[in-house]
Structure formats: structure tokens, C-alpha cells
Amino acid sequence: MTIKVLIVDDSAVVRQVLTQQLSQVAGLQVIGSAADPLFAMKKMNEEWPDVLILDIEMPRMDGITFLKKIMQEKPTPVVICSTLTEKGAEVTMQAMAAGAVDIITKPKAGLKGFLQEHQTLLVNAIRGAAMAKVGKMKASPAAPQPAALKTSSPKLNADVILNASNKPMTETTDQVIAIGTSTGGTQALERVLVGLPRTVPGIVVVQHMPEHFTSAFAKRLDSICQVSVKEGENNDRVIPGQVLIANGGKHMLLRRSGAQYRVEIKDGPLVSRHRPSVDVLFRSVANAAGRNALGIIMTGMGDDGARGMKEMHDAGAYTVAQDEASCVVYGMPKEAVKLGGVDLSLPLDKIPEKIIALAR
């Protein structure tokens, strides 16, 4: 199936380079480009795209307003093209809350070279968005994932960051909850965390998202949840009522020191084509917490987290997958189920009550 793409960006360089690159990719068809949303609407009235690549700051109508208009009239997968700045991250979070599927980051300088170098990332984001069931994404009244970066290099597993442990864990009563998600996960994670009381065990999260964006995402969640939410920092304690979200561009691991859990923030290569990687987090949880952990894998493209969830399951943890019907993209949960690492599949709205029921 050919994916029809429309590019809406006020930068002529972005429009030109993206059009040239994407037009050479089998299965993609650029049906046009526009410098602002008003020009875009004229083109869309002639031929509606399967995926829209949308900038945020544009003349005559901003990208957020345009996105909300599209989602009201005809929900369409939208990939946000945003700058790697703190301000850009905050605005992009508003776009994700309004229904955007994914994020492509672009620098302020060296734009042409960056886009050419990261063509595969862009293509993966578009293909992932085309698979998304945007009807499942409900815009949030209060209102990561970027697609996997596939290269010609080998796909690495969690062994490059830490080894699996075959040693039985020393008994402890402390619980920890580990959550992994990607495409569609910003809204899915919000719906889960908003439903949790402050008394739940400590939670560690990997949401596929670029650097800068995880901090803005955590701050937004913190403002609307009973639990405390922050971007994880090296040596942060994992404590009840607090959620630590992995930094964009770095891996996050759970470590145990005596009776306490702490997180380690670590550089390293892409694992399962992601950094942060759910597989890395889940393996570390299997090693550090064993059967005192609860693992949850939610909507996302690809298979990151599937092997790590199987390791958690084998270590005695209880494991839950978001079901296909409620996923924006049923990729990561599907692969975890196929590997035999999932105890139970649940609709998204049932996951918070399951967490509460299993918490002790």
C-alpha cells in the first residue's frame, strides 16, 4: 500500500529536502507541500493525505490550531516536526495531547544535512504513523515517541548495557512498577497515571521520546496526576507515589542498594533501536526486583520491551500488556505476548485498577 504524505512547514529547505528524500522511498508518495495550514487545506480538499508532517510555528495559523481542526473534521495521523529546544518541547507536548502520533526533531542549524542524515528515522516515523489508529487517541482536555531509528548496523539487545542475571534475588517486600510504551504512549500513559492514587508503589517508565521532550512531558503529567512525576536523575530513589520517566537519549536502569531501589541514567548504544530502551529497563527490573515487580507494556511500534518483559516474567514478576483493541499501534504488546512473557492483556482503561489491585 502506498502512503500519501503531505508536508506542512514554513521552511522551504525542509519542504524541498523532505520531498526529495521521501519521493525516492518505495511505498511513500509525497502528494504536496505547503508553507502554512491555509495552503495545506486547499491541497487537502483536492486529495487527503494518509500522513501529515506538520511544523508548529507557522504564519497565518499555528500548527496546534490546525491540528485540532483536523482532528475534529477528519482524524488523520500527524507527525510533528519540531525543533530541539525547551520551548519547542513544551509546545510539542500540547500537540501530542491534541492527537499527534509522533515527533520528528530538527535542529535550528545544519537542517539540510540533518534531514539527509536521518532519512531512515523520518521514514520510520511516517510508516509508524500510517499504522496508527488515530480514532483511539482522544484529545486530552488538560493536555515518544519517536519512531525507531533503523540503520544498516546490527540491531543490538540489552546485553550491550547489562547482563541478564541468573542469580535468585535476595527477598524483599518492596514493590516496583515498570512501564514501557512508544507510539501513542503519551496519551496512554497519561490515562494510566491520572487514575493512580499517591499510595501506589514507585514507578519507572520508558516512553520513546527525544531529549528535552521527556522533561516537558514529565512536568505536564506532574501537573495533572495525584502521583508525583519527574524526569529521572542518576541515583534518584524509587519511592511510593512517585513516577520516574527515562531521559530522552539515555538509558534508565533500576538498581538495588540494600532495601532501596534507585535508578541509574546511562549512556550507551541504541538497544532494540531505541535509547532509552524498554528492554534495558525491563531487564534491570528483572535483575533488581524479580517477583516484586509489576511489568506493563503498552502501545507502540516494533518489539522493544518484548524480550525484557519475558525476562521479568521468568523472574517471577506479574506482567500486563495493553490489548489490541485499545492500542494506537499493537506492536510492542503483540511481540511480548508472542514471546510468552505476558500474564494478562487488558484494555487501557482497566490497567490503572489492575495496578491498584496488585499493589501491596
Foldseek 3Di string as FASTA:
>chain_A
DAFEEEEEALDPLCQVLLQVLQCPDPRYHHQYYYNHLVVVVVSCVVPNGQEYEEEADGPPDGRLVSLLVCCVPPDHAYEYEFEPDLVRLLVVQLSVLSQHFYYHYAYPPPRSVVCVVQVQQVVQQSVFSSLFPSVLRDRDPLTAAGGFRDDPDDAAALVQPPDFDPDAEDDAQAAEEEEEEYGSVLRLVLLQQQLAAQQFWFYEYEGHDAASNVQSSQVSSCVRHNARGGAADAFAWRGGRYYHYHGHQWEKEWADDPRTIGIHTGHDDAHLRGHHFLLNHLSRCCVHPQQRYEYEYEADAGAGNLVSLQSSVVSNHAYEYEDPVSHRHPHRSVSNVVVVSHPYYYHSNCVNVVSVVPGD
